[in-house]
N, C-alpha and C. Protein backbone atom coordinates (compact mmCIF):
# COMPACT_ATOMS: atom_id res chain seq x y z
N MET A 1 2.56 3.52 8.68
CA MET A 1 1.96 2.51 9.56
C MET A 1 1.61 1.25 8.77
N LEU A 2 0.94 1.43 7.62
CA LEU A 2 0.55 0.29 6.80
C LEU A 2 1.76 -0.42 6.22
N PHE A 3 2.84 0.32 6.01
CA PHE A 3 4.07 -0.29 5.49
C PHE A 3 4.57 -1.39 6.42
N LEU A 4 4.34 -1.24 7.72
CA LEU A 4 4.77 -2.24 8.69
C LEU A 4 3.67 -3.22 9.05
N VAL A 5 2.43 -2.72 9.09
CA VAL A 5 1.32 -3.56 9.56
C VAL A 5 0.90 -4.60 8.54
N ILE A 6 0.82 -4.22 7.26
CA ILE A 6 0.36 -5.15 6.23
C ILE A 6 1.27 -6.37 6.12
N PRO A 7 2.60 -6.22 6.06
CA PRO A 7 3.43 -7.43 6.01
C PRO A 7 3.33 -8.27 7.28
N ALA A 8 3.15 -7.62 8.43
CA ALA A 8 2.96 -8.38 9.67
C ALA A 8 1.70 -9.23 9.59
N SER A 9 0.66 -8.67 8.99
CA SER A 9 -0.59 -9.40 8.81
C SER A 9 -0.39 -10.59 7.88
N VAL A 10 0.37 -10.40 6.80
CA VAL A 10 0.62 -11.48 5.84
C VAL A 10 1.45 -12.59 6.48
N ILE A 11 2.46 -12.19 7.25
CA ILE A 11 3.29 -13.18 7.94
C ILE A 11 2.43 -14.03 8.88
N LEU A 12 1.56 -13.39 9.62
CA LEU A 12 0.69 -14.12 10.54
C LEU A 12 -0.27 -15.02 9.78
N LEU A 13 -0.75 -14.56 8.62
CA LEU A 13 -1.67 -15.36 7.81
C LEU A 13 -0.98 -16.60 7.27
N VAL A 14 0.22 -16.44 6.74
CA VAL A 14 0.94 -17.57 6.14
C VAL A 14 1.44 -18.53 7.21
N LEU A 15 1.92 -17.98 8.32
CA LEU A 15 2.50 -18.82 9.38
C LEU A 15 1.50 -19.12 10.49
N ARG A 16 0.22 -19.12 10.16
CA ARG A 16 -0.80 -19.31 11.19
C ARG A 16 -0.72 -20.69 11.84
N VAL A 17 -0.46 -21.73 11.04
CA VAL A 17 -0.38 -23.09 11.60
C VAL A 17 0.84 -23.24 12.51
N PRO A 18 2.06 -22.86 12.06
CA PRO A 18 3.20 -22.92 12.97
C PRO A 18 3.00 -22.08 14.23
N ALA A 19 2.35 -20.91 14.08
CA ALA A 19 2.12 -20.05 15.25
C ALA A 19 1.23 -20.74 16.26
N VAL A 20 0.15 -21.37 15.79
CA VAL A 20 -0.76 -22.09 16.70
C VAL A 20 -0.05 -23.26 17.37
N ARG A 21 0.75 -23.97 16.60
CA ARG A 21 1.45 -25.14 17.15
C ARG A 21 2.50 -24.73 18.17
N LEU A 22 3.14 -23.58 17.94
CA LEU A 22 4.13 -23.08 18.91
C LEU A 22 3.46 -22.67 20.22
N VAL A 23 2.30 -22.03 20.10
CA VAL A 23 1.61 -21.52 21.29
C VAL A 23 1.00 -22.66 22.11
N TYR A 24 0.36 -23.60 21.43
CA TYR A 24 -0.39 -24.64 22.14
C TYR A 24 0.36 -25.96 22.27
N GLY A 25 1.50 -26.07 21.57
CA GLY A 25 2.28 -27.30 21.66
C GLY A 25 2.07 -28.17 20.45
N ALA A 26 3.17 -28.51 19.77
CA ALA A 26 3.08 -29.27 18.53
C ALA A 26 2.53 -30.67 18.75
N SER A 27 2.87 -31.28 19.87
CA SER A 27 2.46 -32.67 20.10
C SER A 27 1.23 -32.79 21.00
N LYS A 28 0.92 -31.75 21.78
CA LYS A 28 -0.17 -31.84 22.75
C LYS A 28 -1.51 -31.38 22.21
N PHE A 29 -1.48 -30.50 21.22
CA PHE A 29 -2.72 -29.93 20.68
C PHE A 29 -3.17 -30.77 19.50
N PRO A 30 -4.39 -31.31 19.50
CA PRO A 30 -4.85 -32.17 18.40
C PRO A 30 -4.79 -31.43 17.05
N TRP A 31 -4.53 -32.19 15.99
CA TRP A 31 -4.38 -31.60 14.66
C TRP A 31 -5.65 -30.92 14.20
N ASP A 32 -6.82 -31.54 14.43
CA ASP A 32 -8.09 -30.93 14.03
C ASP A 32 -8.29 -29.58 14.71
N ALA A 33 -7.96 -29.52 16.01
CA ALA A 33 -8.08 -28.26 16.74
C ALA A 33 -7.07 -27.23 16.23
N THR A 34 -5.89 -27.71 15.84
CA THR A 34 -4.87 -26.81 15.28
C THR A 34 -5.36 -26.16 14.00
N ILE A 35 -5.95 -26.95 13.12
CA ILE A 35 -6.46 -26.43 11.85
C ILE A 35 -7.58 -25.42 12.09
N LEU A 36 -8.51 -25.77 12.98
CA LEU A 36 -9.64 -24.88 13.27
C LEU A 36 -9.16 -23.55 13.87
N THR A 37 -8.21 -23.65 14.79
CA THR A 37 -7.66 -22.44 15.41
C THR A 37 -6.89 -21.61 14.39
N SER A 38 -6.18 -22.27 13.48
CA SER A 38 -5.41 -21.54 12.46
C SER A 38 -6.35 -20.81 11.50
N TYR A 39 -7.49 -21.42 11.17
CA TYR A 39 -8.48 -20.71 10.35
C TYR A 39 -8.95 -19.44 11.05
N THR A 40 -9.24 -19.57 12.33
CA THR A 40 -9.71 -18.42 13.11
C THR A 40 -8.66 -17.32 13.14
N LEU A 41 -7.41 -17.71 13.40
CA LEU A 41 -6.31 -16.75 13.43
C LEU A 41 -6.11 -16.10 12.07
N GLY A 42 -6.23 -16.90 11.01
CA GLY A 42 -6.06 -16.37 9.66
C GLY A 42 -7.09 -15.32 9.31
N PHE A 43 -8.36 -15.57 9.66
CA PHE A 43 -9.41 -14.59 9.36
C PHE A 43 -9.26 -13.34 10.21
N PHE A 44 -8.79 -13.49 11.44
CA PHE A 44 -8.52 -12.31 12.26
C PHE A 44 -7.39 -11.48 11.66
N SER A 45 -6.37 -12.15 11.13
CA SER A 45 -5.21 -11.44 10.60
C SER A 45 -5.55 -10.58 9.39
N LEU A 46 -6.64 -10.91 8.70
CA LEU A 46 -7.02 -10.14 7.51
C LEU A 46 -7.36 -8.69 7.83
N SER A 47 -7.76 -8.43 9.06
CA SER A 47 -8.22 -7.07 9.41
C SER A 47 -7.24 -6.31 10.31
N ILE A 48 -6.03 -6.82 10.45
CA ILE A 48 -5.06 -6.13 11.30
C ILE A 48 -4.78 -4.72 10.78
N PHE A 49 -4.64 -4.61 9.45
CA PHE A 49 -4.36 -3.29 8.87
C PHE A 49 -5.52 -2.33 9.13
N ALA A 50 -6.74 -2.84 9.07
CA ALA A 50 -7.92 -1.99 9.29
C ALA A 50 -8.01 -1.57 10.75
N GLN A 51 -7.68 -2.47 11.67
CA GLN A 51 -7.68 -2.12 13.09
C GLN A 51 -6.69 -1.00 13.37
N SER A 52 -5.50 -1.10 12.78
CA SER A 52 -4.48 -0.08 12.99
C SER A 52 -4.91 1.25 12.39
N ALA A 53 -5.48 1.21 11.18
CA ALA A 53 -5.93 2.44 10.53
C ALA A 53 -7.07 3.10 11.30
N THR A 54 -7.94 2.28 11.89
CA THR A 54 -9.07 2.82 12.65
C THR A 54 -8.61 3.63 13.85
N TYR A 55 -7.57 3.14 14.54
CA TYR A 55 -7.02 3.91 15.67
C TYR A 55 -6.54 5.28 15.22
N LEU A 56 -5.87 5.32 14.08
CA LEU A 56 -5.37 6.59 13.56
C LEU A 56 -6.51 7.50 13.14
N LEU A 57 -7.50 6.95 12.46
CA LEU A 57 -8.64 7.74 12.00
C LEU A 57 -9.45 8.28 13.16
N THR A 58 -9.61 7.47 14.20
CA THR A 58 -10.33 7.93 15.39
C THR A 58 -9.65 9.14 16.00
N ARG A 59 -8.34 9.09 16.09
CA ARG A 59 -7.59 10.22 16.66
C ARG A 59 -7.65 11.45 15.75
N SER A 60 -7.82 11.22 14.46
CA SER A 60 -7.99 12.35 13.54
C SER A 60 -9.29 13.09 13.84
N PHE A 61 -10.36 12.34 14.10
CA PHE A 61 -11.63 12.97 14.48
C PHE A 61 -11.49 13.69 15.82
N PHE A 62 -10.77 13.08 16.75
CA PHE A 62 -10.57 13.71 18.06
C PHE A 62 -9.82 15.03 17.90
N ALA A 63 -8.83 15.04 16.99
CA ALA A 63 -8.06 16.26 16.75
C ALA A 63 -8.94 17.37 16.18
N LEU A 64 -10.01 16.97 15.48
CA LEU A 64 -10.97 17.94 14.93
C LEU A 64 -12.11 18.24 15.90
N LYS A 65 -11.93 17.77 17.15
CA LYS A 65 -12.92 17.99 18.22
C LYS A 65 -14.28 17.34 17.89
N ASP A 66 -14.20 16.18 17.25
CA ASP A 66 -15.41 15.41 16.93
C ASP A 66 -15.27 14.03 17.57
N THR A 67 -15.94 13.84 18.69
CA THR A 67 -15.86 12.55 19.38
C THR A 67 -17.11 11.70 19.13
N ILE A 68 -18.11 12.29 18.50
CA ILE A 68 -19.39 11.59 18.29
C ILE A 68 -19.32 10.65 17.08
N THR A 69 -18.74 11.14 15.97
CA THR A 69 -18.73 10.34 14.74
C THR A 69 -18.06 8.98 14.92
N PRO A 70 -16.87 8.89 15.54
CA PRO A 70 -16.27 7.56 15.72
C PRO A 70 -17.14 6.62 16.55
N VAL A 71 -17.82 7.16 17.56
CA VAL A 71 -18.68 6.32 18.39
C VAL A 71 -19.84 5.77 17.58
N LYS A 72 -20.47 6.63 16.77
CA LYS A 72 -21.60 6.20 15.94
C LYS A 72 -21.17 5.12 14.95
N VAL A 73 -20.02 5.35 14.30
CA VAL A 73 -19.53 4.38 13.32
C VAL A 73 -19.19 3.06 14.01
N ASN A 74 -18.54 3.14 15.15
CA ASN A 74 -18.16 1.92 15.87
C ASN A 74 -19.39 1.11 16.29
N LEU A 75 -20.40 1.80 16.81
CA LEU A 75 -21.63 1.11 17.22
C LEU A 75 -22.31 0.44 16.03
N ALA A 76 -22.33 1.15 14.90
CA ALA A 76 -22.96 0.59 13.70
C ALA A 76 -22.22 -0.64 13.20
N THR A 77 -20.89 -0.56 13.15
CA THR A 77 -20.12 -1.70 12.64
C THR A 77 -20.11 -2.87 13.63
N ILE A 78 -20.18 -2.58 14.92
CA ILE A 78 -20.30 -3.66 15.91
C ILE A 78 -21.61 -4.42 15.68
N ALA A 79 -22.69 -3.66 15.41
CA ALA A 79 -23.98 -4.29 15.13
C ALA A 79 -23.90 -5.14 13.86
N VAL A 80 -23.21 -4.64 12.84
CA VAL A 80 -23.04 -5.40 11.60
C VAL A 80 -22.25 -6.68 11.87
N GLY A 81 -21.17 -6.56 12.64
CA GLY A 81 -20.35 -7.72 12.94
C GLY A 81 -21.11 -8.78 13.72
N ALA A 82 -21.88 -8.34 14.72
CA ALA A 82 -22.67 -9.28 15.52
C ALA A 82 -23.74 -9.96 14.67
N SER A 83 -24.37 -9.20 13.78
CA SER A 83 -25.40 -9.76 12.90
C SER A 83 -24.80 -10.78 11.93
N LEU A 84 -23.64 -10.44 11.38
CA LEU A 84 -22.97 -11.38 10.48
C LEU A 84 -22.57 -12.66 11.20
N ALA A 85 -22.06 -12.52 12.42
CA ALA A 85 -21.66 -13.70 13.19
C ALA A 85 -22.86 -14.61 13.45
N LEU A 86 -23.99 -14.03 13.83
CA LEU A 86 -25.20 -14.82 14.04
C LEU A 86 -25.66 -15.49 12.75
N PHE A 87 -25.58 -14.77 11.65
CA PHE A 87 -25.98 -15.32 10.36
C PHE A 87 -25.09 -16.50 9.97
N PHE A 88 -23.77 -16.31 10.13
CA PHE A 88 -22.83 -17.37 9.76
C PHE A 88 -23.05 -18.63 10.61
N ILE A 89 -23.28 -18.42 11.92
CA ILE A 89 -23.40 -19.56 12.83
C ILE A 89 -24.79 -20.19 12.76
N ARG A 90 -25.83 -19.38 12.86
CA ARG A 90 -27.20 -19.89 12.96
C ARG A 90 -27.78 -20.34 11.62
N VAL A 91 -27.50 -19.56 10.57
CA VAL A 91 -28.12 -19.82 9.27
C VAL A 91 -27.21 -20.68 8.38
N MET A 92 -25.96 -20.24 8.25
CA MET A 92 -25.04 -20.94 7.37
C MET A 92 -24.38 -22.14 8.03
N HIS A 93 -24.44 -22.20 9.37
CA HIS A 93 -23.85 -23.30 10.14
C HIS A 93 -22.33 -23.44 9.90
N PHE A 94 -21.68 -22.30 9.79
CA PHE A 94 -20.23 -22.30 9.68
C PHE A 94 -19.61 -22.58 11.05
N GLY A 95 -18.30 -22.82 11.05
CA GLY A 95 -17.59 -23.08 12.28
C GLY A 95 -17.27 -21.81 13.05
N VAL A 96 -16.51 -21.98 14.14
CA VAL A 96 -16.19 -20.85 15.00
C VAL A 96 -15.35 -19.80 14.27
N TRP A 97 -14.63 -20.25 13.22
CA TRP A 97 -13.81 -19.31 12.46
C TRP A 97 -14.65 -18.20 11.82
N SER A 98 -15.95 -18.46 11.59
CA SER A 98 -16.80 -17.47 10.95
C SER A 98 -17.02 -16.24 11.83
N ILE A 99 -16.86 -16.42 13.15
CA ILE A 99 -16.95 -15.26 14.06
C ILE A 99 -15.78 -14.31 13.79
N ALA A 100 -14.61 -14.90 13.57
CA ALA A 100 -13.44 -14.08 13.23
C ALA A 100 -13.64 -13.39 11.89
N LEU A 101 -14.23 -14.11 10.93
CA LEU A 101 -14.50 -13.51 9.62
C LEU A 101 -15.47 -12.34 9.76
N ALA A 102 -16.52 -12.52 10.55
CA ALA A 102 -17.49 -11.43 10.76
C ALA A 102 -16.82 -10.23 11.42
N GLY A 103 -15.95 -10.49 12.39
CA GLY A 103 -15.23 -9.39 13.05
C GLY A 103 -14.33 -8.64 12.08
N SER A 104 -13.65 -9.38 11.21
CA SER A 104 -12.77 -8.74 10.24
C SER A 104 -13.55 -7.89 9.24
N ILE A 105 -14.69 -8.42 8.77
CA ILE A 105 -15.52 -7.66 7.82
C ILE A 105 -16.01 -6.35 8.46
N SER A 106 -16.47 -6.44 9.71
CA SER A 106 -16.97 -5.23 10.37
C SER A 106 -15.85 -4.23 10.63
N THR A 107 -14.64 -4.72 10.92
CA THR A 107 -13.52 -3.81 11.16
C THR A 107 -13.10 -3.10 9.88
N ILE A 108 -13.05 -3.82 8.77
CA ILE A 108 -12.70 -3.21 7.49
C ILE A 108 -13.77 -2.20 7.08
N LEU A 109 -15.04 -2.55 7.30
CA LEU A 109 -16.13 -1.60 7.04
C LEU A 109 -15.99 -0.35 7.89
N ASP A 110 -15.63 -0.53 9.15
CA ASP A 110 -15.39 0.58 10.07
C ASP A 110 -14.34 1.52 9.50
N MET A 111 -13.23 0.97 9.01
CA MET A 111 -12.14 1.78 8.47
C MET A 111 -12.60 2.60 7.27
N PHE A 112 -13.30 1.95 6.32
CA PHE A 112 -13.73 2.66 5.11
C PHE A 112 -14.77 3.74 5.42
N LEU A 113 -15.68 3.46 6.34
CA LEU A 113 -16.66 4.47 6.72
C LEU A 113 -15.99 5.67 7.37
N MET A 114 -15.06 5.40 8.28
CA MET A 114 -14.34 6.49 8.96
C MET A 114 -13.54 7.31 7.96
N LEU A 115 -12.92 6.63 7.01
CA LEU A 115 -12.12 7.32 6.00
C LEU A 115 -13.00 8.21 5.13
N ALA A 116 -14.15 7.69 4.72
CA ALA A 116 -15.07 8.47 3.88
C ALA A 116 -15.61 9.68 4.64
N LEU A 117 -15.97 9.49 5.90
CA LEU A 117 -16.51 10.59 6.69
C LEU A 117 -15.44 11.63 7.00
N LEU A 118 -14.20 11.19 7.23
CA LEU A 118 -13.12 12.13 7.48
C LEU A 118 -12.83 12.95 6.23
N SER A 119 -12.84 12.28 5.07
CA SER A 119 -12.62 12.99 3.80
C SER A 119 -13.68 14.06 3.59
N LYS A 120 -14.93 13.72 3.89
CA LYS A 120 -16.02 14.69 3.75
C LYS A 120 -15.86 15.84 4.72
N LYS A 121 -15.39 15.53 5.93
CA LYS A 121 -15.27 16.55 6.98
C LYS A 121 -14.18 17.58 6.67
N VAL A 122 -13.10 17.13 6.06
CA VAL A 122 -11.99 18.04 5.79
C VAL A 122 -12.01 18.59 4.36
N GLY A 123 -13.07 18.28 3.64
CA GLY A 123 -13.19 18.80 2.29
C GLY A 123 -12.52 17.96 1.22
N GLY A 124 -12.23 16.71 1.57
CA GLY A 124 -11.65 15.78 0.59
C GLY A 124 -10.13 15.80 0.60
N PHE A 125 -9.54 14.69 0.19
CA PHE A 125 -8.10 14.62 0.01
C PHE A 125 -7.81 13.70 -1.17
N GLY A 126 -6.60 13.84 -1.73
CA GLY A 126 -6.25 13.14 -2.96
C GLY A 126 -6.35 11.63 -2.84
N LYS A 127 -7.24 11.04 -3.63
CA LYS A 127 -7.41 9.58 -3.58
C LYS A 127 -6.20 8.87 -4.15
N ARG A 128 -5.59 9.43 -5.18
CA ARG A 128 -4.42 8.80 -5.78
C ARG A 128 -3.26 8.77 -4.79
N ALA A 129 -3.04 9.89 -4.10
CA ALA A 129 -1.95 9.96 -3.12
C ALA A 129 -2.17 8.99 -1.97
N LEU A 130 -3.43 8.69 -1.69
CA LEU A 130 -3.75 7.78 -0.60
C LEU A 130 -3.71 6.33 -1.05
N MET A 131 -4.30 6.04 -2.22
CA MET A 131 -4.50 4.66 -2.64
C MET A 131 -3.28 4.05 -3.33
N LEU A 132 -2.49 4.86 -4.04
CA LEU A 132 -1.35 4.31 -4.78
C LEU A 132 -0.32 3.66 -3.85
N PRO A 133 0.11 4.33 -2.78
CA PRO A 133 1.04 3.66 -1.86
C PRO A 133 0.42 2.41 -1.24
N PHE A 134 -0.88 2.48 -0.89
CA PHE A 134 -1.57 1.32 -0.32
C PHE A 134 -1.54 0.15 -1.31
N PHE A 135 -1.78 0.45 -2.60
CA PHE A 135 -1.77 -0.58 -3.63
C PHE A 135 -0.38 -1.19 -3.77
N LYS A 136 0.65 -0.34 -3.81
CA LYS A 136 2.01 -0.83 -3.95
C LYS A 136 2.41 -1.72 -2.77
N ILE A 137 2.07 -1.28 -1.56
CA ILE A 137 2.39 -2.05 -0.37
C ILE A 137 1.63 -3.38 -0.38
N GLY A 138 0.36 -3.32 -0.80
CA GLY A 138 -0.44 -4.55 -0.84
C GLY A 138 0.12 -5.56 -1.82
N VAL A 139 0.51 -5.11 -3.02
CA VAL A 139 1.08 -6.01 -4.02
C VAL A 139 2.41 -6.58 -3.52
N SER A 140 3.23 -5.74 -2.91
CA SER A 140 4.50 -6.22 -2.35
C SER A 140 4.28 -7.26 -1.28
N ALA A 141 3.24 -7.04 -0.48
CA ALA A 141 2.93 -8.00 0.60
C ALA A 141 2.45 -9.33 0.02
N ILE A 142 1.71 -9.28 -1.10
CA ILE A 142 1.26 -10.52 -1.74
C ILE A 142 2.45 -11.33 -2.24
N PHE A 143 3.38 -10.65 -2.90
CA PHE A 143 4.60 -11.34 -3.35
C PHE A 143 5.40 -11.87 -2.16
N MET A 144 5.44 -11.10 -1.08
CA MET A 144 6.12 -11.56 0.12
C MET A 144 5.45 -12.82 0.66
N GLY A 145 4.11 -12.85 0.62
CA GLY A 145 3.38 -14.02 1.08
C GLY A 145 3.77 -15.27 0.31
N LEU A 146 3.92 -15.13 -1.02
CA LEU A 146 4.37 -16.26 -1.83
C LEU A 146 5.80 -16.66 -1.45
N SER A 147 6.64 -15.66 -1.18
CA SER A 147 8.02 -15.94 -0.78
C SER A 147 8.08 -16.62 0.58
N LEU A 148 7.08 -16.39 1.42
CA LEU A 148 7.00 -17.07 2.71
C LEU A 148 6.47 -18.49 2.55
N TYR A 149 5.41 -18.63 1.76
CA TYR A 149 4.69 -19.90 1.68
C TYR A 149 5.55 -21.01 1.05
N ILE A 150 6.25 -20.68 -0.05
CA ILE A 150 7.03 -21.70 -0.76
C ILE A 150 8.14 -22.29 0.11
N PRO A 151 9.03 -21.46 0.71
CA PRO A 151 10.06 -22.07 1.57
C PRO A 151 9.49 -22.75 2.80
N MET A 152 8.36 -22.23 3.32
CA MET A 152 7.76 -22.87 4.49
C MET A 152 7.34 -24.30 4.16
N LYS A 153 6.69 -24.48 2.99
CA LYS A 153 6.25 -25.81 2.58
C LYS A 153 7.43 -26.72 2.31
N LEU A 154 8.47 -26.20 1.64
CA LEU A 154 9.65 -27.01 1.33
C LEU A 154 10.35 -27.47 2.60
N LEU A 155 10.51 -26.55 3.56
CA LEU A 155 11.15 -26.91 4.82
C LEU A 155 10.30 -27.90 5.61
N ASP A 156 9.00 -27.69 5.59
CA ASP A 156 8.09 -28.54 6.35
C ASP A 156 8.05 -29.96 5.79
N ILE A 157 8.06 -30.09 4.47
CA ILE A 157 7.91 -31.41 3.84
C ILE A 157 9.23 -32.16 3.72
N TYR A 158 10.31 -31.45 3.33
CA TYR A 158 11.53 -32.14 2.96
C TYR A 158 12.69 -31.99 3.94
N VAL A 159 12.67 -30.99 4.81
CA VAL A 159 13.85 -30.70 5.62
C VAL A 159 13.62 -30.92 7.11
N LEU A 160 12.59 -30.30 7.67
CA LEU A 160 12.41 -30.27 9.12
C LEU A 160 11.24 -31.14 9.56
N ASP A 161 11.45 -31.80 10.70
CA ASP A 161 10.37 -32.54 11.35
C ASP A 161 9.64 -31.58 12.28
N THR A 162 8.53 -31.03 11.78
CA THR A 162 7.86 -29.96 12.53
C THR A 162 6.96 -30.48 13.65
N THR A 163 7.07 -31.76 13.95
CA THR A 163 6.40 -32.25 15.16
C THR A 163 7.19 -31.87 16.40
N LYS A 164 8.41 -31.40 16.19
CA LYS A 164 9.28 -30.97 17.30
C LYS A 164 9.29 -29.45 17.38
N THR A 165 9.22 -28.95 18.59
CA THR A 165 9.11 -27.50 18.81
C THR A 165 10.31 -26.75 18.27
N ILE A 166 11.52 -27.27 18.47
CA ILE A 166 12.72 -26.57 18.04
C ILE A 166 12.74 -26.40 16.52
N ASN A 167 12.25 -27.41 15.81
CA ASN A 167 12.18 -27.30 14.34
C ASN A 167 11.13 -26.29 13.90
N LEU A 168 10.04 -26.20 14.64
CA LEU A 168 9.03 -25.18 14.35
C LEU A 168 9.60 -23.78 14.52
N ILE A 169 10.39 -23.60 15.58
CA ILE A 169 11.02 -22.30 15.82
C ILE A 169 11.98 -21.95 14.68
N ILE A 170 12.79 -22.94 14.26
CA ILE A 170 13.73 -22.73 13.16
C ILE A 170 12.98 -22.37 11.89
N LEU A 171 11.91 -23.10 11.59
CA LEU A 171 11.12 -22.84 10.39
C LEU A 171 10.55 -21.42 10.42
N THR A 172 10.00 -21.03 11.56
CA THR A 172 9.39 -19.71 11.68
C THR A 172 10.42 -18.60 11.49
N ILE A 173 11.60 -18.76 12.08
CA ILE A 173 12.65 -17.74 11.97
C ILE A 173 13.16 -17.64 10.54
N VAL A 174 13.47 -18.78 9.92
CA VAL A 174 14.01 -18.79 8.56
C VAL A 174 13.02 -18.19 7.57
N VAL A 175 11.77 -18.62 7.66
CA VAL A 175 10.75 -18.14 6.73
C VAL A 175 10.47 -16.65 6.94
N SER A 176 10.46 -16.20 8.19
CA SER A 176 10.22 -14.78 8.48
C SER A 176 11.33 -13.90 7.92
N ILE A 177 12.58 -14.36 8.05
CA ILE A 177 13.72 -13.61 7.50
C ILE A 177 13.62 -13.54 5.98
N ALA A 178 13.27 -14.68 5.35
CA ALA A 178 13.10 -14.70 3.89
C ALA A 178 11.99 -13.74 3.48
N GLY A 179 10.90 -13.72 4.25
CA GLY A 179 9.80 -12.82 3.94
C GLY A 179 10.20 -11.36 4.08
N PHE A 180 10.97 -11.04 5.11
CA PHE A 180 11.42 -9.66 5.33
C PHE A 180 12.26 -9.17 4.15
N PHE A 181 13.24 -9.99 3.72
CA PHE A 181 14.10 -9.61 2.62
C PHE A 181 13.28 -9.42 1.34
N SER A 182 12.37 -10.34 1.07
CA SER A 182 11.57 -10.24 -0.16
C SER A 182 10.68 -9.01 -0.12
N TYR A 183 10.13 -8.68 1.05
CA TYR A 183 9.26 -7.52 1.16
C TYR A 183 10.02 -6.23 0.90
N VAL A 184 11.21 -6.12 1.47
CA VAL A 184 12.03 -4.92 1.25
C VAL A 184 12.42 -4.81 -0.21
N ILE A 185 12.76 -5.94 -0.84
CA ILE A 185 13.13 -5.93 -2.25
C ILE A 185 11.96 -5.50 -3.13
N PHE A 186 10.79 -6.07 -2.89
CA PHE A 186 9.63 -5.75 -3.71
C PHE A 186 9.17 -4.30 -3.51
N THR A 187 9.19 -3.81 -2.27
CA THR A 187 8.81 -2.42 -2.04
C THR A 187 9.82 -1.46 -2.66
N SER A 188 11.08 -1.89 -2.74
CA SER A 188 12.09 -1.08 -3.43
C SER A 188 11.83 -1.05 -4.93
N LEU A 189 11.50 -2.20 -5.50
CA LEU A 189 11.23 -2.28 -6.93
C LEU A 189 9.99 -1.46 -7.31
N PHE A 190 8.99 -1.47 -6.43
CA PHE A 190 7.77 -0.71 -6.69
C PHE A 190 7.89 0.76 -6.26
N LYS A 191 9.07 1.12 -5.77
CA LYS A 191 9.37 2.50 -5.37
C LYS A 191 8.38 3.02 -4.33
N VAL A 192 8.19 2.23 -3.29
CA VAL A 192 7.38 2.67 -2.16
C VAL A 192 8.20 3.64 -1.34
N ASP A 193 7.69 4.84 -1.14
CA ASP A 193 8.47 5.89 -0.47
C ASP A 193 8.89 5.49 0.94
N GLU A 194 8.03 4.77 1.62
CA GLU A 194 8.30 4.43 3.02
C GLU A 194 9.54 3.55 3.20
N VAL A 195 9.91 2.80 2.17
CA VAL A 195 11.06 1.92 2.31
C VAL A 195 12.34 2.74 2.47
N GLN A 196 12.36 3.94 1.89
CA GLN A 196 13.53 4.80 2.06
C GLN A 196 13.69 5.24 3.52
N LEU A 197 12.57 5.42 4.20
CA LEU A 197 12.63 5.75 5.62
C LEU A 197 13.23 4.60 6.41
N LEU A 198 12.92 3.37 5.99
CA LEU A 198 13.49 2.20 6.65
C LEU A 198 14.99 2.15 6.47
N TYR A 199 15.46 2.42 5.24
CA TYR A 199 16.91 2.43 4.99
C TYR A 199 17.61 3.51 5.82
N LYS A 200 16.99 4.68 5.90
CA LYS A 200 17.58 5.77 6.69
C LYS A 200 17.67 5.40 8.16
N LEU A 201 16.61 4.73 8.65
CA LEU A 201 16.59 4.31 10.05
C LEU A 201 17.69 3.29 10.31
N LEU A 202 17.84 2.32 9.40
CA LEU A 202 18.88 1.29 9.57
C LEU A 202 20.27 1.91 9.53
N LYS A 203 20.46 2.86 8.63
CA LYS A 203 21.77 3.52 8.55
C LYS A 203 22.06 4.32 9.82
N LYS A 204 21.03 5.00 10.31
CA LYS A 204 21.21 5.79 11.53
C LYS A 204 21.58 4.90 12.72
N MET A 205 21.03 3.67 12.72
CA MET A 205 21.31 2.71 13.81
C MET A 205 22.52 1.84 13.50
N ASN A 206 23.21 2.16 12.38
CA ASN A 206 24.36 1.36 11.93
C ASN A 206 24.00 -0.10 11.74
N LEU A 207 22.78 -0.33 11.21
CA LEU A 207 22.30 -1.69 10.96
C LEU A 207 22.02 -1.92 9.48
N SER A 208 22.58 -1.08 8.63
CA SER A 208 22.30 -1.21 7.20
C SER A 208 22.85 -2.53 6.68
N ILE A 209 22.11 -3.15 5.76
CA ILE A 209 22.49 -4.42 5.17
C ILE A 209 23.00 -4.14 3.77
N PRO A 210 24.25 -4.51 3.44
CA PRO A 210 24.86 -4.13 2.16
C PRO A 210 24.01 -4.46 0.95
N ILE A 211 23.42 -5.67 0.89
CA ILE A 211 22.63 -6.08 -0.27
C ILE A 211 21.43 -5.17 -0.44
N LEU A 212 20.71 -4.91 0.66
CA LEU A 212 19.53 -4.07 0.59
C LEU A 212 19.91 -2.62 0.27
N THR A 213 21.04 -2.17 0.78
CA THR A 213 21.49 -0.82 0.50
C THR A 213 21.78 -0.63 -0.99
N ARG A 214 22.44 -1.64 -1.60
CA ARG A 214 22.73 -1.56 -3.03
C ARG A 214 21.45 -1.54 -3.85
N ILE A 215 20.46 -2.36 -3.45
CA ILE A 215 19.19 -2.37 -4.15
C ILE A 215 18.53 -1.00 -4.05
N SER A 216 18.56 -0.42 -2.84
CA SER A 216 17.96 0.89 -2.62
C SER A 216 18.61 1.95 -3.49
N ASP A 217 19.96 1.93 -3.58
CA ASP A 217 20.67 2.93 -4.36
C ASP A 217 20.32 2.81 -5.85
N LYS A 218 20.18 1.56 -6.35
CA LYS A 218 19.84 1.36 -7.75
C LYS A 218 18.43 1.85 -8.06
N VAL A 219 17.51 1.59 -7.13
CA VAL A 219 16.13 2.02 -7.32
C VAL A 219 16.05 3.54 -7.35
N ILE A 220 16.79 4.19 -6.45
CA ILE A 220 16.81 5.66 -6.41
C ILE A 220 17.35 6.23 -7.72
N GLU A 221 18.42 5.59 -8.26
CA GLU A 221 18.98 6.04 -9.53
C GLU A 221 17.98 5.90 -10.67
């Protein structure tokens, strides 16, 4: 799940400005509002992986016939998120984006609390087996983010007039494809097990890409 969710989160984080401009209109939405909305979207995107993990962890408790623990944790983290949002707005006088930041912090806290309580409930599980793939995927996603950001800036500054919607669409597609290729390459280099499942799925669907297949074969060797 994280193998797919984390890169999606990074793509949304890097392409937050083009995404806002596509949704609200490149020429109709004021630039100041675009920047403010992109900040909000960016802070929300930071917790996408935690939101996805929380759904899975909640169902794990349900499978163990424990419906109370997820409710208690959710109520506690909602209170933390609401308190942080009030603090950011009332005390620190941050902008509306701080509400998204507070929500992301509470969601990530929710995930870690649920994970710790689940580990305690089942008698513990291997931290290395859990954290090592997460670390590899995270590092690959960071490199992918750099691979997204650099071509996006080059296209935006030197090639495409992004005040036009069609050019924004082209930029988003080109940069997303570049990010996908770089992510698959980096996860192959870091020997992330889940990438092999992706190759098997592509081969089963007759959608295998020769370059990626060769990289996969070399990594396996």
